């Protein structure tokens, strides 16, 4: 009887050990999944940074274009004033 009870306790302990091992493995899988998620978030952050930089470049290009247009307008107005002063162009 005592031997049988000891066998039952040993089997129960083995089952608890196996359950703990399964729990450890499940936790490892969860940790790995979290690492993958963190890496994906890092990639997304990097992509957003690239997009922000591209937008900054586009904004700067637009500013340069606006400045060029303003310079052209100023030059054109100066020419028109000069021509008006000469009487070549009539208002």
PDB file of N, CA and C in Angstrom:
ATOM      1  N   UNK A   1       0.811  -1.199   0.000  1.00  0.00           N
ATOM      2  CA  UNK A   1       0.000   0.000   0.000  1.00  0.00           C
ATOM      3  C   UNK A   1       0.855   1.264   0.000  1.00  0.00           C
ATOM      4  N   UNK A   2       1.874   1.227   0.849  1.00  0.00           N
ATOM      5  CA  UNK A   2       2.732   2.402   0.945  1.00  0.00           C
ATOM      6  C   UNK A   2       3.488   2.623  -0.363  1.00  0.00           C
ATOM      7  N   UNK A   3       3.879   1.544  -1.019  1.00  0.00           N
ATOM      8  CA  UNK A   3       4.585   1.643  -2.297  1.00  0.00           C
ATOM      9  C   UNK A   3       3.667   2.257  -3.346  1.00  0.00           C
ATOM     10  N   UNK A   4       2.420   1.824  -3.375  1.00  0.00           N
ATOM     11  CA  UNK A   4       1.462   2.368  -4.334  1.00  0.00           C
ATOM     12  C   UNK A   4       1.223   3.859  -4.085  1.00  0.00           C
ATOM     13  N   UNK A   5       1.104   4.249  -2.842  1.00  0.00           N
ATOM     14  CA  UNK A   5       0.894   5.659  -2.505  1.00  0.00           C
ATOM     15  C   UNK A   5       2.106   6.483  -2.931  1.00  0.00           C
ATOM     16  N   UNK A   6       3.293   5.925  -2.748  1.00  0.00           N
ATOM     17  CA  UNK A   6       4.510   6.629  -3.161  1.00  0.00           C
ATOM     18  C   UNK A   6       4.537   6.779  -4.676  1.00  0.00           C
ATOM     19  N   UNK A   7       4.134   5.728  -5.396  1.00  0.00           N
ATOM     20  CA  UNK A   7       4.078   5.803  -6.855  1.00  0.00           C
ATOM     21  C   UNK A   7       3.097   6.886  -7.317  1.00  0.00           C
ATOM     22  N   UNK A   8       1.965   6.966  -6.646  1.00  0.00           N
ATOM     23  CA  UNK A   8       0.970   7.981  -6.990  1.00  0.00           C
ATOM     24  C   UNK A   8       1.551   9.377  -6.763  1.00  0.00           C
ATOM     25  N   UNK A   9       2.240   9.559  -5.628  1.00  0.00           N
ATOM     26  CA  UNK A   9       2.852  10.865  -5.345  1.00  0.00           C
ATOM     27  C   UNK A   9       3.925  11.199  -6.385  1.00  0.00           C
ATOM     28  N   UNK A  10       4.730  10.202  -6.757  1.00  0.00           N
ATOM     29  CA  UNK A  10       5.774  10.415  -7.764  1.00  0.00           C
ATOM     30  C   UNK A  10       5.140  10.811  -9.095  1.00  0.00           C
ATOM     31  N   UNK A  11       4.093  10.115  -9.480  1.00  0.00           N
ATOM     32  CA  UNK A  11       3.410  10.441 -10.740  1.00  0.00           C
ATOM     33  C   UNK A  11       2.798  11.844 -10.692  1.00  0.00           C
ATOM     34  N   UNK A  12       2.213  12.180  -9.556  1.00  0.00           N
ATOM     35  CA  UNK A  12       1.632  13.518  -9.408  1.00  0.00           C
ATOM     36  C   UNK A  12       2.722  14.578  -9.511  1.00  0.00           C
ATOM     37  N   UNK A  13       3.872  14.296  -8.909  1.00  0.00           N
ATOM     38  CA  UNK A  13       4.988  15.242  -8.983  1.00  0.00           C
ATOM     39  C   UNK A  13       5.475  15.370 -10.420  1.00  0.00           C
ATOM     40  N   UNK A  14       5.567  14.254 -11.128  1.00  0.00           N
ATOM     41  CA  UNK A  14       5.978  14.288 -12.533  1.00  0.00           C
ATOM     42  C   UNK A  14       5.000  15.119 -13.366  1.00  0.00           C
ATOM     43  N   UNK A  15       3.712  14.943 -13.070  1.00  0.00           N
ATOM     44  CA  UNK A  15       2.706  15.704 -13.809  1.00  0.00           C
ATOM     45  C   UNK A  15       2.841  17.198 -13.521  1.00  0.00           C
ATOM     46  N   UNK A  16       3.112  17.550 -12.249  1.00  0.00           N
ATOM     47  CA  UNK A  16       3.304  18.964 -11.910  1.00  0.00           C
ATOM     48  C   UNK A  16       4.541  19.517 -12.612  1.00  0.00           C
ATOM     49  N   UNK A  17       5.615  18.706 -12.653  1.00  0.00           N
ATOM     50  CA  UNK A  17       6.840  19.127 -13.339  1.00  0.00           C
ATOM     51  C   UNK A  17       6.555  19.362 -14.820  1.00  0.00           C
ATOM     52  N   UNK A  18       5.845  18.439 -15.438  1.00  0.00           N
ATOM     53  CA  UNK A  18       5.505  18.590 -16.859  1.00  0.00           C
ATOM     54  C   UNK A  18       4.628  19.819 -17.098  1.00  0.00           C
ATOM     55  N   UNK A  19       3.676  20.045 -16.204  1.00  0.00           N
ATOM     56  CA  UNK A  19       2.816  21.223 -16.337  1.00  0.00           C
ATOM     57  C   UNK A  19       3.645  22.500 -16.212  1.00  0.00           C
ATOM     58  N   UNK A  20       4.604  22.493 -15.296  1.00  0.00           N
ATOM     59  CA  UNK A  20       5.474  23.660 -15.131  1.00  0.00           C
ATOM     60  C   UNK A  20       6.324  23.871 -16.374  1.00  0.00           C
ATOM     61  N   UNK A  21       6.841  22.779 -16.948  1.00  0.00           N
ATOM     62  CA  UNK A  21       7.628  22.882 -18.179  1.00  0.00           C
ATOM     63  C   UNK A  21       6.787  23.472 -19.312  1.00  0.00           C
ATOM     64  N   UNK A  22       5.539  23.021 -19.408  1.00  0.00           N
ATOM     65  CA  UNK A  22       4.655  23.545 -20.446  1.00  0.00           C
ATOM     66  C   UNK A  22       4.397  25.033 -20.222  1.00  0.00           C
ATOM     67  N   UNK A  23       4.225  25.410 -18.958  1.00  0.00           N
ATOM     68  CA  UNK A  23       3.999  26.820 -18.644  1.00  0.00           C
ATOM     69  C   UNK A  23       5.228  27.659 -19.002  1.00  0.00           C
ATOM     70  N   UNK A  24       6.417  27.124 -18.717  1.00  0.00           N
ATOM     71  CA  UNK A  24       7.662  27.812 -19.068  1.00  0.00           C
ATOM     72  C   UNK A  24       7.760  27.977 -20.580  1.00  0.00           C
ATOM     73  N   UNK A  25       7.460  26.928 -21.312  1.00  0.00           N
ATOM     74  CA  UNK A  25       7.510  27.009 -22.777  1.00  0.00           C
ATOM     75  C   UNK A  25       6.505  28.023 -23.318  1.00  0.00           C
ATOM     76  N   UNK A  26       5.311  28.036 -22.738  1.00  0.00           N
ATOM     77  CA  UNK A  26       4.305  29.007 -23.171  1.00  0.00           C
ATOM     78  C   UNK A  26       4.786  30.431 -22.898  1.00  0.00           C
ATOM     79  N   UNK A  27       5.437  30.628 -21.766  1.00  0.00           N
ATOM     80  CA  UNK A  27       5.972  31.951 -21.438  1.00  0.00           C
ATOM     81  C   UNK A  27       7.066  32.342 -22.415  1.00  0.00           C
ATOM     82  N   UNK A  28       7.915  31.376 -22.788  1.00  0.00           N
ATOM     83  CA  UNK A  28       8.970  31.655 -23.765  1.00  0.00           C
ATOM     84  C   UNK A  28       8.373  32.078 -25.106  1.00  0.00           C
ATOM     85  N   UNK A  29       7.328  31.389 -25.516  1.00  0.00           N
ATOM     86  CA  UNK A  29       6.657  31.736 -26.769  1.00  0.00           C
ATOM     87  C   UNK A  29       6.088  33.153 -26.676  1.00  0.00           C
ATOM     88  N   UNK A  30       5.496  33.472 -25.529  1.00  0.00           N
ATOM     89  CA  UNK A  30       4.925  34.804 -25.335  1.00  0.00           C
ATOM     90  C   UNK A  30       6.023  35.868 -25.372  1.00  0.00           C
ATOM     91  N   UNK A  31       7.161  35.578 -24.763  1.00  0.00           N
ATOM     92  CA  UNK A  31       8.293  36.510 -24.779  1.00  0.00           C
ATOM     93  C   UNK A  31       8.774  36.720 -26.210  1.00  0.00           C
ATOM     94  N   UNK A  32       8.901  35.630 -26.964  1.00  0.00           N
ATOM     95  CA  UNK A  32       9.334  35.746 -28.359  1.00  0.00           C
ATOM     96  C   UNK A  32       8.345  36.576 -29.177  1.00  0.00           C
ATOM     97  N   UNK A  33       7.051  36.353 -28.942  1.00  0.00           N
ATOM     98  CA  UNK A  33       6.036  37.122 -29.667  1.00  0.00           C
ATOM     99  C   UNK A  33       6.137  38.606 -29.321  1.00  0.00           C
ATOM    100  N   UNK A  34       6.400  38.890 -28.062  1.00  0.00           N
ATOM    101  CA  UNK A  34       6.557  40.290 -27.647  1.00  0.00           C
ATOM    102  C   UNK A  34       7.778  40.910 -28.308  1.00  0.00           C
ATOM    103  N   UNK A  35       8.871  40.145 -28.400  1.00  0.00           N
ATOM    104  CA  UNK A  35      10.077  40.651 -29.067  1.00  0.00           C
ATOM    105  C   UNK A  35       9.791  40.971 -30.534  1.00  0.00           C
ATOM    106  N   UNK A  36       9.055  40.094 -31.192  1.00  0.00           N
ATOM    107  CA  UNK A  36       8.692  40.325 -32.593  1.00  0.00           C
ATOM    108  C   UNK A  36       7.861  41.602 -32.709  1.00  0.00           C
ATOM    109  N   UNK A  37       6.924  41.770 -31.782  1.00  0.00           N
ATOM    110  CA  UNK A  37       6.071  42.959 -31.800  1.00  0.00           C
ATOM    111  C   UNK A  37       6.903  44.222 -31.571  1.00  0.00           C
ATOM    112  N   UNK A  38       7.856  44.153 -30.658  1.00  0.00           N
ATOM    113  CA  UNK A  38       8.739  45.297 -30.394  1.00  0.00           C
ATOM    114  C   UNK A  38       9.546  45.635 -31.642  1.00  0.00           C
ATOM    115  N   UNK A  39      10.089  44.616 -32.289  1.00  0.00           N
ATOM    116  CA  UNK A  39      10.862  44.855 -33.511  1.00  0.00           C
ATOM    117  C   UNK A  39       9.998  45.458 -34.614  1.00  0.00           C
ATOM    118  N   UNK A  40       8.770  44.971 -34.733  1.00  0.00           N
ATOM    119  CA  UNK A  40       7.864  45.524 -35.739  1.00  0.00           C
ATOM    120  C   UNK A  40       7.565  46.988 -35.442  1.00  0.00           C
ATOM    121  N   UNK A  41       7.406  47.306 -34.175  1.00  0.00           N
ATOM    122  CA  UNK A  41       7.156  48.700 -33.792  1.00  0.00           C
ATOM    123  C   UNK A  41       8.364  49.565 -34.112  1.00  0.00           C
ATOM    124  N   UNK A  42       9.568  49.040 -33.869  1.00  0.00           N
ATOM    125  CA  UNK A  42      10.786  49.786 -34.196  1.00  0.00           C
ATOM    126  C   UNK A  42      10.861  50.063 -35.695  1.00  0.00           C
ATOM    127  N   UNK A  43      10.525  49.062 -36.493  1.00  0.00           N
ATOM    128  CA  UNK A  43      10.528  49.236 -37.948  1.00  0.00           C
ATOM    129  C   UNK A  43       9.522  50.313 -38.344  1.00  0.00           C
ATOM    130  N   UNK A  44       8.354  50.275 -37.707  1.00  0.00           N
ATOM    131  CA  UNK A  44       7.323  51.263 -38.008  1.00  0.00           C
ATOM    132  C   UNK A  44       7.792  52.669 -37.620  1.00  0.00           C
ATOM    133  N   UNK A  45       8.455  52.779 -36.485  1.00  0.00           N
ATOM    134  CA  UNK A  45       8.989  54.076 -36.044  1.00  0.00           C
ATOM    135  C   UNK A  45      10.023  54.580 -37.046  1.00  0.00           C
ATOM    136  N   UNK A  46      10.909  53.689 -37.478  1.00  0.00           N
ATOM    137  CA  UNK A  46      11.925  54.083 -38.458  1.00  0.00           C
ATOM    138  C   UNK A  46      11.279  54.535 -39.768  1.00  0.00           C
ATOM    139  N   UNK A  47      10.253  53.811 -40.196  1.00  0.00           N
ATOM    140  CA  UNK A  47       9.561  54.187 -41.432  1.00  0.00           C
ATOM    141  C   UNK A  47       8.898  55.552 -41.282  1.00  0.00           C
ATOM    142  N   UNK A  48       8.341  55.805 -40.106  1.00  0.00           N
ATOM    143  CA  UNK A  48       7.718  57.107 -39.860  1.00  0.00           C
ATOM    144  C   UNK A  48       8.760  58.216 -39.879  1.00  0.00           C
ATOM    145  N   UNK A  49       9.939  57.943 -39.312  1.00  0.00           N
ATOM    146  CA  UNK A  49      11.023  58.931 -39.332  1.00  0.00           C
ATOM    147  C   UNK A  49      11.432  59.246 -40.769  1.00  0.00           C
ATOM    148  N   UNK A  50      11.534  58.209 -41.587  1.00  0.00           N
ATOM    149  CA  UNK A  50      11.892  58.411 -42.997  1.00  0.00           C
ATOM    150  C   UNK A  50      10.830  59.263 -43.680  1.00  0.00           C
ATOM    151  N   UNK A  51       9.569  58.966 -43.375  1.00  0.00           N
ATOM    152  CA  UNK A  51       8.468  59.723 -43.979  1.00  0.00           C
ATOM    153  C   UNK A  51       8.511  61.187 -43.529  1.00  0.00           C
ATOM    154  N   UNK A  52       8.801  61.407 -42.257  1.00  0.00           N
ATOM    155  CA  UNK A  52       8.905  62.776 -41.738  1.00  0.00           C
ATOM    156  C   UNK A  52      10.036  63.518 -42.445  1.00  0.00           C
ATOM    157  N   UNK A  53      11.179  62.849 -42.596  1.00  0.00           N
ATOM    158  CA  UNK A  53      12.306  63.484 -43.285  1.00  0.00           C
ATOM    159  C   UNK A  53      11.970  63.802 -44.736  1.00  0.00           C
ATOM    160  N   UNK A  54      11.272  62.887 -45.392  1.00  0.00           N
ATOM    161  CA  UNK A  54      10.874  63.129 -46.783  1.00  0.00           C
ATOM    162  C   UNK A  54       9.928  64.322 -46.864  1.00  0.00           C
ATOM    163  N   UNK A  55       9.037  64.434 -45.891  1.00  0.00           N
ATOM    164  CA  UNK A  55       8.117  65.571 -45.867  1.00  0.00           C
ATOM    165  C   UNK A  55       8.878  66.871 -45.647  1.00  0.00           C
ATOM    166  N   UNK A  56       9.883  66.835 -44.773  1.00  0.00           N
ATOM    167  CA  UNK A  56      10.708  68.028 -44.540  1.00  0.00           C
ATOM    168  C   UNK A  56      11.417  68.450 -45.825  1.00  0.00           C
ATOM    169  N   UNK A  57      11.949  67.476 -46.552  1.00  0.00           N
ATOM    170  CA  UNK A  57      12.619  67.779 -47.820  1.00  0.00           C
ATOM    171  C   UNK A  57      11.630  68.405 -48.792  1.00  0.00           C
ATOM    172  N   UNK A  58      10.429  67.844 -48.831  1.00  0.00           N
ATOM    173  CA  UNK A  58       9.399  68.369 -49.730  1.00  0.00           C
ATOM    174  C   UNK A  58       9.018  69.802 -49.337  1.00  0.00           C
ATOM    175  N   UNK A  59       8.894  70.043 -48.039  1.00  0.00           N
ATOM    176  CA  UNK A  59       8.570  71.392 -47.563  1.00  0.00           C
ATOM    177  C   UNK A  59       9.669  72.370 -47.961  1.00  0.00           C
ATOM    178  N   UNK A  60      10.921  71.957 -47.765  1.00  0.00           N
ATOM    179  CA  UNK A  60      12.033  72.833 -48.144  1.00  0.00           C
ATOM    180  C   UNK A  60      12.045  73.115 -49.641  1.00  0.00           C
ATOM    181  N   UNK A  61      11.760  72.086 -50.438  1.00  0.00           N
ATOM    182  CA  UNK A  61      11.717  72.279 -51.890  1.00  0.00           C
ATOM    183  C   UNK A  61      10.597  73.248 -52.263  1.00  0.00           C
ATOM    184  N   UNK A  62       9.463  73.120 -51.593  1.00  0.00           N
ATOM    185  CA  UNK A  62       8.344  74.029 -51.858  1.00  0.00           C
ATOM    186  C   UNK A  62       8.702  75.456 -51.466  1.00  0.00           C
ATOM    187  N   UNK A  63       9.388  75.606 -50.331  1.00  0.00           N
ATOM    188  CA  UNK A  63       9.824  76.946 -49.909  1.00  0.00           C
ATOM    189  C   UNK A  63      10.762  77.558 -50.944  1.00  0.00           C
ATOM    190  N   UNK A  64      11.674  76.742 -51.459  1.00  0.00           N
ATOM    191  CA  UNK A  64      12.600  77.240 -52.478  1.00  0.00           C
ATOM    192  C   UNK A  64      11.843  77.657 -53.731  1.00  0.00           C
ATOM    193  N   UNK A  65      10.842  76.860 -54.078  1.00  0.00           N
ATOM    194  CA  UNK A  65      10.038  77.170 -55.254  1.00  0.00           C
ATOM    195  C   UNK A  65       9.268  78.480 -55.045  1.00  0.00           C
ATOM    196  N   UNK A  66       8.716  78.649 -53.855  1.00  0.00           N
ATOM    197  CA  UNK A  66       7.993  79.888 -53.543  1.00  0.00           C
ATOM    198  C   UNK A  66       8.943  81.079 -53.611  1.00  0.00           C
ATOM    199  N   UNK A  67      10.126  80.919 -53.035  1.00  0.00           N
ATOM    200  CA  UNK A  67      11.108  82.007 -53.081  1.00  0.00           C
ATOM    201  C   UNK A  67      11.486  82.358 -54.515  1.00  0.00           C
ATOM    202  N   UNK A  68      11.660  81.327 -55.341  1.00  0.00           N
ATOM    203  CA  UNK A  68      12.000  81.568 -56.744  1.00  0.00           C
ATOM    204  C   UNK A  68      10.867  82.324 -57.439  1.00  0.00           C
ATOM    205  N   UNK A  69       9.626  81.954 -57.141  1.00  0.00           N
ATOM    206  CA  UNK A  69       8.480  82.648 -57.740  1.00  0.00           C
ATOM    207  C   UNK A  69       8.426  84.097 -57.277  1.00  0.00           C
ATOM    208  N   UNK A  70       8.697  84.313 -55.990  1.00  0.00           N
ATOM    209  CA  UNK A  70       8.693  85.682 -55.472  1.00  0.00           C
ATOM    210  C   UNK A  70       9.769  86.519 -56.153  1.00  0.00           C
ATOM    211  N   UNK A  71      10.946  85.933 -56.328  1.00  0.00           N
ATOM    212  CA  UNK A  71      12.026  86.657 -57.001  1.00  0.00           C
ATOM    213  C   UNK A  71      11.647  86.985 -58.437  1.00  0.00           C
ATOM    214  N   UNK A  72      11.005  86.033 -59.101  1.00  0.00           N
ATOM    215  CA  UNK A  72      10.564  86.262 -60.477  1.00  0.00           C
ATOM    216  C   UNK A  72       9.533  87.382 -60.519  1.00  0.00           C
ATOM    217  N   UNK A  73       8.601  87.364 -59.567  1.00  0.00           N
ATOM    218  CA  UNK A  73       7.576  88.415 -59.524  1.00  0.00           C
ATOM    219  C   UNK A  73       8.207  89.780 -59.283  1.00  0.00           C
ATOM    220  N   UNK A  74       9.142  89.851 -58.356  1.00  0.00           N
ATOM    221  CA  UNK A  74       9.815  91.121 -58.063  1.00  0.00           C
ATOM    222  C   UNK A  74      10.547  91.611 -59.302  1.00  0.00           C
ATOM    223  N   UNK A  75      11.239  90.713 -59.982  1.00  0.00           N
ATOM    224  CA  UNK A  75      11.977  91.075 -61.193  1.00  0.00           C
ATOM    225  C   UNK A  75      11.016  91.554 -62.280  1.00  0.00           C
ATOM    226  N   UNK A  76       9.898  90.833 -62.435  1.00  0.00           N
ATOM    227  CA  UNK A  76       8.915  91.196 -63.461  1.00  0.00           C
ATOM    228  C   UNK A  76       8.307  92.565 -63.164  1.00  0.00           C
ATOM    229  N   UNK A  77       7.975  92.812 -61.911  1.00  0.00           N
ATOM    230  CA  UNK A  77       7.415  94.116 -61.535  1.00  0.00           C
ATOM    231  C   UNK A  77       8.424  95.221 -61.815  1.00  0.00           C
ATOM    232  N   UNK A  78       9.680  94.973 -61.491  1.00  0.00           N
ATOM    233  CA  UNK A  78      10.722  95.977 -61.750  1.00  0.00           C
ATOM    234  C   UNK A  78      10.831  96.265 -63.238  1.00  0.00           C
ATOM    235  N   UNK A  79      10.782  95.225 -64.058  1.00  0.00           N
ATOM    236  CA  UNK A  79      10.840  95.422 -65.513  1.00  0.00           C
ATOM    237  C   UNK A  79       9.642  96.215 -66.007  1.00  0.00           C
ATOM    238  N   UNK A  80       8.464  95.857 -65.505  1.00  0.00           N
ATOM    239  CA  UNK A  80       7.259  96.570 -65.930  1.00  0.00           C
ATOM    240  C   UNK A  80       7.325  98.044 -65.535  1.00  0.00           C
ATOM    241  N   UNK A  81       7.801  98.312 -64.343  1.00  0.00           N
ATOM    242  CA  UNK A  81       7.926  99.711 -63.906  1.00  0.00           C
ATOM    243  C   UNK A  81       8.906 100.472 -64.796  1.00  0.00           C
ATOM    244  N   UNK A  82       9.987  99.807 -65.131  1.00  0.00           N
ATOM    245  CA  UNK A  82      10.981 100.454 -65.994  1.00  0.00           C
ATOM    246  C   UNK A  82      10.380 100.759 -67.364  1.00  0.00           C
ATOM    247  N   UNK A  83       9.665  99.763 -67.910  1.00  0.00           N
ATOM    248  CA  UNK A  83       9.060  99.949 -69.227  1.00  0.00           C
ATOM    249  C   UNK A  83       7.962 101.014 -69.179  1.00  0.00           C
ATOM    250  N   UNK A  84       7.196 101.015 -68.083  1.00  0.00           N
ATOM    251  CA  UNK A  84       6.170 102.056 -67.935  1.00  0.00           C
ATOM    252  C   UNK A  84       6.818 103.432 -67.867  1.00  0.00           C
ATOM    253  N   UNK A  85       7.944 103.497 -67.181  1.00  0.00           N
ATOM    254  CA  UNK A  85       8.669 104.761 -67.067  1.00  0.00           C
ATOM    255  C   UNK A  85       9.173 105.241 -68.410  1.00  0.00           C
ATOM    256  N   UNK A  86       9.496 104.343 -69.289  1.00  0.00           N
ATOM    257  CA  UNK A  86       9.982 104.712 -70.628  1.00  0.00           C
ATOM    258  C   UNK A  86       8.834 105.045 -71.569  1.00  0.00           C
ATOM    259  N   UNK A  87       7.641 104.675 -71.157  1.00  0.00           N
ATOM    260  CA  UNK A  87       6.482 104.940 -72.006  1.00  0.00           C
ATOM    261  C   UNK A  87       6.268 103.879 -73.053  1.00  0.00           C
ATOM    262  N   UNK A  88       6.958 102.746 -72.920  1.00  0.00           N
ATOM    263  CA  UNK A  88       6.795 101.675 -73.907  1.00  0.00           C
ATOM    264  C   UNK A  88       5.497 100.918 -73.653  1.00  0.00           C
ATOM    265  N   UNK A  89       5.198 100.709 -72.392  1.00  0.00           N
ATOM    266  CA  UNK A  89       3.965 100.011 -72.031  1.00  0.00           C
ATOM    267  C   UNK A  89       3.022 101.044 -71.434  1.00  0.00           C
ATOM    268  N   UNK A  90       1.791 101.017 -71.889  1.00  0.00           N
ATOM    269  CA  UNK A  90       0.804 101.963 -71.377  1.00  0.00           C
ATOM    270  C   UNK A  90      -0.128 101.241 -70.422  1.00  0.00           C
ATOM    271  N   UNK A  91      -0.399 101.884 -69.328  1.00  0.00           N
ATOM    272  CA  UNK A  91      -1.242 101.280 -68.301  1.00  0.00           C
ATOM    273  C   UNK A  91      -2.682 101.240 -68.733  1.00  0.00           C
TER     274      UNK A  91
END
